[in-house]
All heavy atoms as atom14 arrays in JSON, in Angstrom:
{
  "sequence": "GEIACFETRDTAHGRTEVRRASILPLAKLKDLPV",
  "atom14_mask": [
    [1, 1, 1, 1, 0, 0, 0, 0, 0, 0, 0, 0, 0, 0],
    [1, 1, 1, 1, 1, 1, 1, 1, 1, 0, 0, 0, 0, 0],
    [1, 1, 1, 1, 1, 1, 1, 1, 0, 0, 0, 0, 0, 0],
    [1, 1, 1, 1, 1, 0, 0, 0, 0, 0, 0, 0, 0, 0],
    [1, 1, 1, 1, 1, 1, 0, 0, 0, 0, 0, 0, 0, 0],
    [1, 1, 1, 1, 1, 1, 1, 1, 1, 1, 1, 0, 0, 0],
    [1, 1, 1, 1, 1, 1, 1, 1, 1, 0, 0, 0, 0, 0],
    [1, 1, 1, 1, 1, 1, 1, 0, 0, 0, 0, 0, 0, 0],
    [1, 1, 1, 1, 1, 1, 1, 1, 1, 1, 1, 0, 0, 0],
    [1, 1, 1, 1, 1, 1, 1, 1, 0, 0, 0, 0, 0, 0],
    [1, 1, 1, 1, 1, 1, 1, 0, 0, 0, 0, 0, 0, 0],
    [1, 1, 1, 1, 1, 0, 0, 0, 0, 0, 0, 0, 0, 0],
    [1, 1, 1, 1, 1, 1, 1, 1, 1, 1, 0, 0, 0, 0],
    [1, 1, 1, 1, 0, 0, 0, 0, 0, 0, 0, 0, 0, 0],
    [1, 1, 1, 1, 1, 1, 1, 1, 1, 1, 1, 0, 0, 0],
    [1, 1, 1, 1, 1, 1, 1, 0, 0, 0, 0, 0, 0, 0],
    [1, 1, 1, 1, 1, 1, 1, 1, 1, 0, 0, 0, 0, 0],
    [1, 1, 1, 1, 1, 1, 1, 0, 0, 0, 0, 0, 0, 0],
    [1, 1, 1, 1, 1, 1, 1, 1, 1, 1, 1, 0, 0, 0],
    [1, 1, 1, 1, 1, 1, 1, 1, 1, 1, 1, 0, 0, 0],
    [1, 1, 1, 1, 1, 0, 0, 0, 0, 0, 0, 0, 0, 0],
    [1, 1, 1, 1, 1, 1, 0, 0, 0, 0, 0, 0, 0, 0],
    [1, 1, 1, 1, 1, 1, 1, 1, 0, 0, 0, 0, 0, 0],
    [1, 1, 1, 1, 1, 1, 1, 1, 0, 0, 0, 0, 0, 0],
    [1, 1, 1, 1, 1, 1, 1, 0, 0, 0, 0, 0, 0, 0],
    [1, 1, 1, 1, 1, 1, 1, 1, 0, 0, 0, 0, 0, 0],
    [1, 1, 1, 1, 1, 0, 0, 0, 0, 0, 0, 0, 0, 0],
    [1, 1, 1, 1, 1, 1, 1, 1, 1, 0, 0, 0, 0, 0],
    [1, 1, 1, 1, 1, 1, 1, 1, 0, 0, 0, 0, 0, 0],
    [1, 1, 1, 1, 1, 1, 1, 1, 1, 0, 0, 0, 0, 0],
    [1, 1, 1, 1, 1, 1, 1, 1, 0, 0, 0, 0, 0, 0],
    [1, 1, 1, 1, 1, 1, 1, 1, 0, 0, 0, 0, 0, 0],
    [1, 1, 1, 1, 1, 1, 1, 0, 0, 0, 0, 0, 0, 0],
    [1, 1, 1, 1, 1, 1, 1, 0, 0, 0, 0, 0, 0, 0]
  ],
  "atom14_positions": [
    [[5.7, -6.15, -8.95], [5.38, -5.27, -9.97], [4.14, -4.37, -9.72], [3.92, -4.04, -8.55], [0.0, 0.0, 0.0], [0.0, 0.0, 0.0], [0.0, 0.0, 0.0], [0.0, 0.0, 0.0], [0.0, 0.0, 0.0], [0.0, 0.0, 0.0], [0.0, 0.0, 0.0], [0.0, 0.0, 0.0], [0.0, 0.0, 0.0], [0.0, 0.0, 0.0]],
    [[3.43, -4.09, -10.71], [2.22, -3.33, -10.44], [1.13, -4.13, -9.82], [0.86, -5.11, -10.38], [1.72, -2.79, -11.91], [2.7, -1.67, -12.48], [2.68, -0.28, -11.71], [1.72, 0.0, -11.09], [3.83, 0.2, -11.63], [0.0, 0.0, 0.0], [0.0, 0.0, 0.0], [0.0, 0.0, 0.0], [0.0, 0.0, 0.0], [0.0, 0.0, 0.0]],
    [[0.63, -3.67, -8.7], [-0.54, -4.3, -7.99], [-1.6, -3.27, -7.62], [-1.19, -2.1, -7.58], [-0.11, -5.08, -6.79], [0.75, -4.2, -5.75], [0.93, -6.3, -7.26], [1.06, -4.93, -4.52], [0.0, 0.0, 0.0], [0.0, 0.0, 0.0], [0.0, 0.0, 0.0], [0.0, 0.0, 0.0], [0.0, 0.0, 0.0], [0.0, 0.0, 0.0]],
    [[-2.76, -3.75, -7.44], [-3.94, -2.85, -7.08], [-3.62, -2.09, -5.79], [-2.94, -2.76, -4.81], [-5.19, -3.71, -7.01], [0.0, 0.0, 0.0], [0.0, 0.0, 0.0], [0.0, 0.0, 0.0], [0.0, 0.0, 0.0], [0.0, 0.0, 0.0], [0.0, 0.0, 0.0], [0.0, 0.0, 0.0], [0.0, 0.0, 0.0], [0.0, 0.0, 0.0]],
    [[-3.89, -0.9, -5.68], [-3.77, -0.18, -4.37], [-4.99, 0.89, -4.23], [-5.57, 1.2, -5.24], [-2.36, 0.58, -4.41], [-2.31, 1.95, -5.57], [0.0, 0.0, 0.0], [0.0, 0.0, 0.0], [0.0, 0.0, 0.0], [0.0, 0.0, 0.0], [0.0, 0.0, 0.0], [0.0, 0.0, 0.0], [0.0, 0.0, 0.0], [0.0, 0.0, 0.0]],
    [[-4.96, 1.18, -3.07], [-5.94, 2.19, -2.66], [-5.3, 3.48, -2.12], [-4.32, 3.3, -1.28], [-7.07, 1.67, -1.57], [-7.97, 2.69, -1.04], [-8.98, 3.19, -1.83], [-7.71, 3.34, 0.22], [-9.95, 4.13, -1.44], [-8.57, 4.3, 0.62], [-9.72, 4.73, -0.12], [0.0, 0.0, 0.0], [0.0, 0.0, 0.0], [0.0, 0.0, 0.0]],
    [[-5.59, 4.71, -2.68], [-4.75, 5.81, -2.29], [-5.76, 6.87, -1.63], [-6.8, 7.08, -1.94], [-4.2, 6.55, -3.59], [-3.34, 7.77, -3.37], [-2.8, 8.2, -4.6], [-1.83, 7.52, -5.28], [-3.03, 9.39, -5.06], [0.0, 0.0, 0.0], [0.0, 0.0, 0.0], [0.0, 0.0, 0.0], [0.0, 0.0, 0.0], [0.0, 0.0, 0.0]],
    [[-5.03, 7.41, -0.66], [-5.71, 8.64, 0.08], [-4.7, 9.83, 0.02], [-3.45, 9.59, -0.04], [-6.09, 8.31, 1.61], [-4.91, 7.98, 2.28], [-6.98, 7.03, 1.65], [0.0, 0.0, 0.0], [0.0, 0.0, 0.0], [0.0, 0.0, 0.0], [0.0, 0.0, 0.0], [0.0, 0.0, 0.0], [0.0, 0.0, 0.0], [0.0, 0.0, 0.0]],
    [[-5.34, 10.97, 0.15], [-4.54, 12.24, 0.13], [-5.13, 13.19, 1.1], [-6.32, 13.46, 1.09], [-4.52, 12.81, -1.27], [-3.76, 14.18, -1.32], [-3.85, 14.74, -2.87], [-3.33, 13.79, -3.88], [-2.02, 13.91, -4.2], [-1.24, 14.74, -3.84], [-1.63, 13.02, -5.08], [0.0, 0.0, 0.0], [0.0, 0.0, 0.0], [0.0, 0.0, 0.0]],
    [[-4.4, 13.75, 2.03], [-4.66, 14.62, 3.07], [-3.86, 15.91, 3.05], [-2.65, 15.81, 2.88], [-4.54, 13.98, 4.47], [-5.47, 12.77, 4.61], [-6.8, 13.05, 4.35], [-5.13, 11.79, 5.18], [0.0, 0.0, 0.0], [0.0, 0.0, 0.0], [0.0, 0.0, 0.0], [0.0, 0.0, 0.0], [0.0, 0.0, 0.0], [0.0, 0.0, 0.0]],
    [[-4.43, 16.94, 2.98], [-3.68, 18.21, 3.09], [-4.17, 19.14, 4.22], [-5.4, 19.38, 4.36], [-3.9, 19.04, 1.73], [-3.47, 18.29, 0.72], [-3.13, 20.33, 1.6], [0.0, 0.0, 0.0], [0.0, 0.0, 0.0], [0.0, 0.0, 0.0], [0.0, 0.0, 0.0], [0.0, 0.0, 0.0], [0.0, 0.0, 0.0], [0.0, 0.0, 0.0]],
    [[-3.18, 19.56, 5.01], [-3.62, 20.41, 6.22], [-2.34, 20.94, 6.63], [-1.24, 20.45, 6.73], [-4.18, 19.58, 7.28], [0.0, 0.0, 0.0], [0.0, 0.0, 0.0], [0.0, 0.0, 0.0], [0.0, 0.0, 0.0], [0.0, 0.0, 0.0], [0.0, 0.0, 0.0], [0.0, 0.0, 0.0], [0.0, 0.0, 0.0], [0.0, 0.0, 0.0]],
    [[-2.48, 22.34, 7.07], [-1.36, 23.17, 7.8], [-0.17, 23.11, 6.92], [1.04, 22.98, 7.4], [-1.1, 22.53, 9.17], [-2.24, 22.38, 10.05], [-2.97, 23.39, 10.48], [-2.86, 21.3, 10.49], [-3.99, 22.96, 11.23], [-3.89, 21.74, 11.19], [0.0, 0.0, 0.0], [0.0, 0.0, 0.0], [0.0, 0.0, 0.0], [0.0, 0.0, 0.0]],
    [[-0.27, 23.16, 5.57], [0.79, 23.38, 4.59], [1.52, 21.98, 4.31], [2.63, 21.94, 3.77], [0.0, 0.0, 0.0], [0.0, 0.0, 0.0], [0.0, 0.0, 0.0], [0.0, 0.0, 0.0], [0.0, 0.0, 0.0], [0.0, 0.0, 0.0], [0.0, 0.0, 0.0], [0.0, 0.0, 0.0], [0.0, 0.0, 0.0], [0.0, 0.0, 0.0]],
    [[0.96, 20.9, 4.74], [1.5, 19.57, 4.62], [0.5, 18.66, 3.8], [-0.65, 18.63, 3.97], [1.8, 18.96, 6.02], [2.48, 17.54, 5.85], [2.58, 16.92, 7.26], [1.39, 16.64, 7.92], [1.22, 16.18, 9.12], [2.33, 15.97, 9.82], [0.0, 15.79, 9.6], [0.0, 0.0, 0.0], [0.0, 0.0, 0.0], [0.0, 0.0, 0.0]],
    [[1.07, 18.0, 2.99], [0.23, 16.98, 2.09], [0.8, 15.52, 2.32], [2.04, 15.4, 2.24], [0.39, 17.38, 0.57], [-0.08, 18.62, 0.36], [-0.3, 16.23, -0.36], [0.0, 0.0, 0.0], [0.0, 0.0, 0.0], [0.0, 0.0, 0.0], [0.0, 0.0, 0.0], [0.0, 0.0, 0.0], [0.0, 0.0, 0.0], [0.0, 0.0, 0.0]],
    [[-0.06, 14.64, 2.64], [0.36, 13.25, 2.82], [-0.45, 12.38, 1.96], [-1.77, 12.48, 1.88], [0.23, 12.86, 4.25], [0.65, 11.43, 4.52], [0.84, 11.11, 5.97], [0.7, 12.07, 6.79], [1.19, 10.03, 6.25], [0.0, 0.0, 0.0], [0.0, 0.0, 0.0], [0.0, 0.0, 0.0], [0.0, 0.0, 0.0], [0.0, 0.0, 0.0]],
    [[0.24, 11.67, 1.11], [-0.41, 10.64, 0.19], [-0.02, 9.21, 0.72], [1.12, 8.96, 1.06], [0.05, 10.72, -1.21], [-0.53, 9.67, -2.21], [-0.19, 12.16, -1.7], [0.0, 0.0, 0.0], [0.0, 0.0, 0.0], [0.0, 0.0, 0.0], [0.0, 0.0, 0.0], [0.0, 0.0, 0.0], [0.0, 0.0, 0.0], [0.0, 0.0, 0.0]],
    [[-1.03, 8.35, 0.91], [-0.78, 7.05, 1.4], [-1.38, 6.03, 0.34], [-2.55, 6.19, -0.17], [-1.49, 6.77, 2.74], [-1.04, 7.64, 3.94], [-1.65, 7.2, 5.21], [-1.45, 8.18, 6.3], [-2.16, 9.31, 6.6], [-3.18, 9.53, 5.83], [-1.89, 10.03, 7.56], [0.0, 0.0, 0.0], [0.0, 0.0, 0.0], [0.0, 0.0, 0.0]],
    [[-0.66, 5.03, 0.19], [-1.13, 3.9, -0.82], [-1.02, 2.62, -0.08], [0.03, 2.21, 0.44], [-0.21, 3.87, -2.02], [-0.24, 5.19, -2.89], [0.52, 5.02, -4.22], [0.64, 6.2, -4.89], [1.63, 7.15, -4.83], [2.65, 6.9, -4.01], [1.57, 8.2, -5.65], [0.0, 0.0, 0.0], [0.0, 0.0, 0.0], [0.0, 0.0, 0.0]],
    [[-2.18, 2.02, -0.11], [-2.27, 0.64, 0.49], [-2.37, -0.46, -0.49], [-3.22, -0.33, -1.53], [-3.56, 0.62, 1.39], [0.0, 0.0, 0.0], [0.0, 0.0, 0.0], [0.0, 0.0, 0.0], [0.0, 0.0, 0.0], [0.0, 0.0, 0.0], [0.0, 0.0, 0.0], [0.0, 0.0, 0.0], [0.0, 0.0, 0.0], [0.0, 0.0, 0.0]],
    [[-1.71, -1.58, -0.23], [-1.75, -2.7, -1.17], [-1.59, -3.96, -0.5], [-1.05, -3.97, 0.66], [-0.64, -2.48, -2.26], [0.67, -2.35, -1.75], [0.0, 0.0, 0.0], [0.0, 0.0, 0.0], [0.0, 0.0, 0.0], [0.0, 0.0, 0.0], [0.0, 0.0, 0.0], [0.0, 0.0, 0.0], [0.0, 0.0, 0.0], [0.0, 0.0, 0.0]],
    [[-2.07, -5.05, -1.13], [-1.98, -6.34, -0.44], [-1.48, -7.44, -1.45], [-1.65, -7.49, -2.58], [-3.59, -6.72, -0.16], [-4.17, -5.77, 0.93], [-3.66, -8.23, 0.41], [-3.84, -6.07, 2.36], [0.0, 0.0, 0.0], [0.0, 0.0, 0.0], [0.0, 0.0, 0.0], [0.0, 0.0, 0.0], [0.0, 0.0, 0.0], [0.0, 0.0, 0.0]],
    [[-0.76, -8.32, -0.76], [-0.34, -9.52, -1.35], [-0.94, -10.81, -0.63], [-0.57, -10.85, 0.48], [1.19, -9.69, -1.41], [1.89, -8.83, -2.59], [3.43, -9.14, -2.4], [1.37, -9.1, -3.89], [0.0, 0.0, 0.0], [0.0, 0.0, 0.0], [0.0, 0.0, 0.0], [0.0, 0.0, 0.0], [0.0, 0.0, 0.0], [0.0, 0.0, 0.0]],
    [[-1.88, -11.49, -1.24], [-2.35, -12.68, -0.52], [-1.38, -13.8, -0.41], [-0.29, -13.81, -1.04], [-3.5, -13.1, -1.4], [-3.24, -12.68, -2.8], [-2.32, -11.33, -2.62], [0.0, 0.0, 0.0], [0.0, 0.0, 0.0], [0.0, 0.0, 0.0], [0.0, 0.0, 0.0], [0.0, 0.0, 0.0], [0.0, 0.0, 0.0], [0.0, 0.0, 0.0]],
    [[-1.53, -14.7, 0.56], [-0.67, -15.77, 0.85], [-0.31, -16.52, -0.44], [0.85, -16.92, -0.63], [-1.33, -16.69, 1.85], [-0.39, -17.82, 2.36], [0.82, -17.24, 3.13], [-1.15, -18.76, 3.33], [0.0, 0.0, 0.0], [0.0, 0.0, 0.0], [0.0, 0.0, 0.0], [0.0, 0.0, 0.0], [0.0, 0.0, 0.0], [0.0, 0.0, 0.0]],
    [[-1.22, -16.78, -1.38], [-0.98, -17.51, -2.61], [0.13, -16.91, -3.41], [0.77, -17.47, -4.31], [-2.29, -17.67, -3.41], [0.0, 0.0, 0.0], [0.0, 0.0, 0.0], [0.0, 0.0, 0.0], [0.0, 0.0, 0.0], [0.0, 0.0, 0.0], [0.0, 0.0, 0.0], [0.0, 0.0, 0.0], [0.0, 0.0, 0.0], [0.0, 0.0, 0.0]],
    [[0.33, -15.52, -3.32], [1.36, -14.88, -4.1], [2.56, -14.61, -3.36], [3.47, -13.79, -3.87], [0.77, -13.53, -4.64], [-0.45, -13.76, -5.64], [-0.91, -12.45, -6.24], [-1.98, -12.66, -7.18], [-2.39, -11.46, -7.87], [0.0, 0.0, 0.0], [0.0, 0.0, 0.0], [0.0, 0.0, 0.0], [0.0, 0.0, 0.0], [0.0, 0.0, 0.0]],
    [[2.7, -15.11, -2.1], [3.89, -14.83, -1.27], [4.78, -16.16, -1.33], [4.34, -17.14, -1.24], [3.47, -14.6, 0.22], [2.66, -13.25, 0.31], [2.19, -13.18, 1.7], [3.6, -12.07, 0.12], [0.0, 0.0, 0.0], [0.0, 0.0, 0.0], [0.0, 0.0, 0.0], [0.0, 0.0, 0.0], [0.0, 0.0, 0.0], [0.0, 0.0, 0.0]],
    [[6.1, -15.91, -1.55], [6.99, -16.92, -1.57], [8.03, -16.84, -0.52], [8.5, -15.77, -0.02], [7.67, -17.01, -2.9], [6.82, -17.08, -4.15], [7.51, -17.04, -5.54], [6.6, -17.12, -6.66], [7.2, -17.15, -8.03], [0.0, 0.0, 0.0], [0.0, 0.0, 0.0], [0.0, 0.0, 0.0], [0.0, 0.0, 0.0], [0.0, 0.0, 0.0]],
    [[8.59, -18.14, -0.21], [9.77, -18.2, 0.72], [9.47, -17.46, 2.15], [10.4, -16.84, 2.7], [10.98, -17.6, 0.13], [11.39, -18.15, -1.18], [11.3, -19.41, -1.25], [11.88, -17.48, -2.08], [0.0, 0.0, 0.0], [0.0, 0.0, 0.0], [0.0, 0.0, 0.0], [0.0, 0.0, 0.0], [0.0, 0.0, 0.0], [0.0, 0.0, 0.0]],
    [[8.3, -17.66, 2.66], [7.92, -17.06, 3.9], [8.12, -18.05, 4.97], [7.98, -19.25, 4.93], [6.42, -16.77, 3.95], [5.81, -15.58, 3.13], [4.38, -15.51, 3.36], [6.47, -14.32, 3.54], [0.0, 0.0, 0.0], [0.0, 0.0, 0.0], [0.0, 0.0, 0.0], [0.0, 0.0, 0.0], [0.0, 0.0, 0.0], [0.0, 0.0, 0.0]],
    [[8.72, -17.62, 6.19], [8.81, -18.33, 7.34], [7.51, -18.67, 7.92], [6.52, -17.92, 7.54], [9.71, -17.63, 8.27], [9.5, -16.19, 7.87], [9.35, -16.19, 6.37], [0.0, 0.0, 0.0], [0.0, 0.0, 0.0], [0.0, 0.0, 0.0], [0.0, 0.0, 0.0], [0.0, 0.0, 0.0], [0.0, 0.0, 0.0], [0.0, 0.0, 0.0]],
    [[7.37, -19.68, 8.58], [5.95, -20.02, 9.28], [5.48, -18.97, 10.26], [6.31, -18.51, 11.13], [6.05, -21.41, 9.96], [4.69, -21.71, 10.57], [6.3, -22.49, 8.86], [0.0, 0.0, 0.0], [0.0, 0.0, 0.0], [0.0, 0.0, 0.0], [0.0, 0.0, 0.0], [0.0, 0.0, 0.0], [0.0, 0.0, 0.0], [0.0, 0.0, 0.0]]
  ]
}
């Protein structure tokens, strides 16, 4: 669902790029292979 993220926005040469970074720690991850 909704989790904290960090967003950056770059605009150059007529192009805009938005990036959103987010993290899930091991404690919140389920059914992971080793």
